[in-house]
Amino acid sequence: MKSDEKPWTAKELAEVRAELDEDVRRLRSELNVADEELAGLMRDAGDGAGNDQADVGSTTFERDHEMSLANNARDMLAQTERALARIDDGSYGVCESCGQPIGKMRLMAFPRATLCLPCKQREERR
């Protein structure tokens, strides 16, 4: 919370928690689907007899794309679970780098944020 912002209310934190809990459910579901599709692509890749180079290239692209989507979902799930843990331990809204408040507006826009805006900008410049 910045100096011009009011502290988080219990109701606001409950709303953030509900949103994050729903994200966890959705991401786990997406990961299950992605893992099933990826397993199917891996099975099909082993049965490449008679495939021409274009088919193999297309299958490889599709497999790489599915792997990328699954990895992104895993990263988002980890960030979401981390935000929930920070709510539980009382550190939600505190920058992990400098210890200053992150800011409610930033957290409302991106509830998984772990860095305040100046620290995030500094990190991105590296």
Protein backbone atom coordinates (compact mmCIF):
# COMPACT_ATOMS: atom_id res chain seq x y z
CA MET A 1 0.00 0.00 0.00
CA LYS A 2 1.38 3.38 -0.92
CA SER A 3 1.03 6.42 1.32
CA ASP A 4 -2.03 7.65 -0.56
CA GLU A 5 -3.76 4.24 -0.48
CA LYS A 6 -5.90 2.65 2.20
CA PRO A 7 -4.81 -0.70 3.69
CA TRP A 8 -6.26 -3.92 2.33
CA THR A 9 -9.55 -4.78 3.99
CA ALA A 10 -10.44 -8.36 4.89
CA LYS A 11 -13.14 -8.23 2.20
CA GLU A 12 -10.67 -7.08 -0.47
CA LEU A 13 -8.20 -9.82 0.46
CA ALA A 14 -11.01 -12.38 0.38
CA GLU A 15 -11.92 -11.21 -3.14
CA VAL A 16 -8.28 -11.49 -4.27
CA ARG A 17 -8.05 -14.95 -2.69
CA ALA A 18 -11.25 -16.08 -4.46
CA GLU A 19 -9.91 -14.84 -7.80
CA LEU A 20 -6.57 -16.59 -7.25
CA ASP A 21 -8.29 -19.81 -6.10
CA GLU A 22 -10.35 -19.79 -9.30
CA ASP A 23 -7.16 -19.21 -11.33
CA VAL A 24 -5.55 -22.24 -9.64
CA ARG A 25 -8.53 -24.43 -10.60
CA ARG A 26 -8.51 -23.15 -14.19
CA LEU A 27 -4.75 -23.52 -14.61
CA ARG A 28 -4.73 -27.06 -13.23
CA SER A 29 -7.49 -27.97 -15.66
CA GLU A 30 -5.56 -26.40 -18.56
CA LEU A 31 -2.44 -28.30 -17.52
CA ASN A 32 -4.30 -31.61 -17.45
CA VAL A 33 -5.60 -31.00 -20.98
CA ALA A 34 -2.18 -29.85 -22.22
CA ASP A 35 -0.45 -32.87 -20.68
CA GLU A 36 -2.95 -35.22 -22.36
CA GLU A 37 -2.50 -33.50 -25.73
CA LEU A 38 1.26 -33.57 -25.35
CA ALA A 39 1.22 -37.26 -24.47
CA GLY A 40 -0.84 -37.89 -27.61
CA LEU A 41 1.61 -35.92 -29.74
CA MET A 42 4.54 -37.85 -28.28
CA ARG A 43 2.80 -41.16 -29.00
CA ASP A 44 2.06 -40.08 -32.55
CA ALA A 45 5.65 -38.90 -33.07
CA GLY A 46 6.88 -42.45 -32.47
CA ASP A 47 4.67 -43.69 -35.28
CA GLY A 48 6.40 -41.69 -38.01
CA ALA A 49 6.57 -44.40 -40.65
CA GLY A 50 5.63 -42.97 -44.01
CA ASN A 51 5.51 -39.34 -42.87
CA ASP A 52 7.14 -36.86 -45.20
CA GLN A 53 9.33 -34.00 -43.94
CA ALA A 54 6.44 -31.53 -43.90
CA ASP A 55 4.38 -33.83 -41.66
CA VAL A 56 7.30 -34.32 -39.29
CA GLY A 57 7.97 -30.57 -39.21
CA SER A 58 4.32 -29.82 -38.53
CA THR A 59 4.18 -32.41 -35.74
CA THR A 60 7.37 -31.03 -34.19
CA PHE A 61 6.00 -27.48 -34.32
CA GLU A 62 2.72 -28.58 -32.74
CA ARG A 63 4.54 -30.48 -29.99
CA ASP A 64 6.82 -27.51 -29.24
CA HIS A 65 3.82 -25.18 -29.16
CA GLU A 66 1.96 -27.44 -26.70
CA MET A 67 5.07 -27.70 -24.52
CA SER A 68 5.38 -23.91 -24.47
CA LEU A 69 1.72 -23.49 -23.49
CA ALA A 70 2.06 -26.09 -20.73
CA ASN A 71 5.21 -24.43 -19.39
CA ASN A 72 3.50 -21.02 -19.35
CA ALA A 73 0.54 -22.50 -17.47
CA ARG A 74 2.93 -24.13 -14.96
CA ASP A 75 4.67 -20.78 -14.39
CA MET A 76 1.34 -19.01 -13.88
CA LEU A 77 0.19 -21.74 -11.49
CA ALA A 78 3.38 -21.38 -9.44
CA GLN A 79 2.99 -17.58 -9.32
CA THR A 80 -0.65 -17.93 -8.29
CA GLU A 81 0.12 -20.44 -5.54
CA ARG A 82 2.91 -18.15 -4.33
CA ALA A 83 0.48 -15.20 -4.14
CA LEU A 84 -1.93 -17.33 -2.09
CA ALA A 85 0.91 -18.31 0.27
CA ARG A 86 1.82 -14.62 0.66
CA ILE A 87 -1.78 -13.83 1.59
CA ASP A 88 -1.65 -16.62 4.18
CA ASP A 89 1.63 -15.48 5.74
CA GLY A 90 0.75 -11.77 5.70
CA SER A 91 3.44 -10.71 3.21
CA TYR A 92 1.03 -10.09 0.30
CA GLY A 93 1.56 -6.60 -1.08
CA VAL A 94 5.14 -6.26 0.19
CA CYS A 95 7.93 -6.07 -2.41
CA GLU A 96 10.23 -9.08 -2.17
CA SER A 97 13.20 -6.97 -3.26
CA CYS A 98 13.04 -3.75 -1.22
CA GLY A 99 10.36 -4.52 1.39
CA GLN A 100 8.27 -1.51 0.41
CA PRO A 101 4.55 -1.73 -0.40
CA ILE A 102 3.78 -2.88 -3.94
CA GLY A 103 0.68 -0.74 -4.32
CA LYS A 104 -2.95 -1.78 -4.44
CA MET A 105 -3.54 -0.58 -7.99
CA ARG A 106 -0.64 -2.71 -9.28
CA LEU A 107 -1.88 -5.74 -7.34
CA MET A 108 -5.44 -5.20 -8.54
CA ALA A 109 -4.13 -5.22 -12.12
CA PHE A 110 -1.73 -8.14 -11.53
CA PRO A 111 -2.48 -9.96 -8.26
CA ARG A 112 0.59 -12.20 -8.66
CA ALA A 113 3.03 -9.28 -8.49
CA THR A 114 5.91 -9.78 -6.05
CA LEU A 115 7.83 -6.60 -6.85
CA CYS A 116 6.92 -2.92 -6.60
CA LEU A 117 7.02 -0.98 -9.87
CA PRO A 118 10.50 0.58 -9.38
CA CYS A 119 12.03 -2.82 -8.52
CA LYS A 120 10.26 -4.50 -11.45
CA GLN A 121 11.52 -1.80 -13.83
CA ARG A 122 15.04 -2.18 -12.44
CA GLU A 123 14.84 -5.97 -12.93
CA GLU A 124 13.68 -5.60 -16.54
CA ARG A 125 16.57 -3.25 -17.39
CA ARG A 126 19.12 -5.92 -16.43
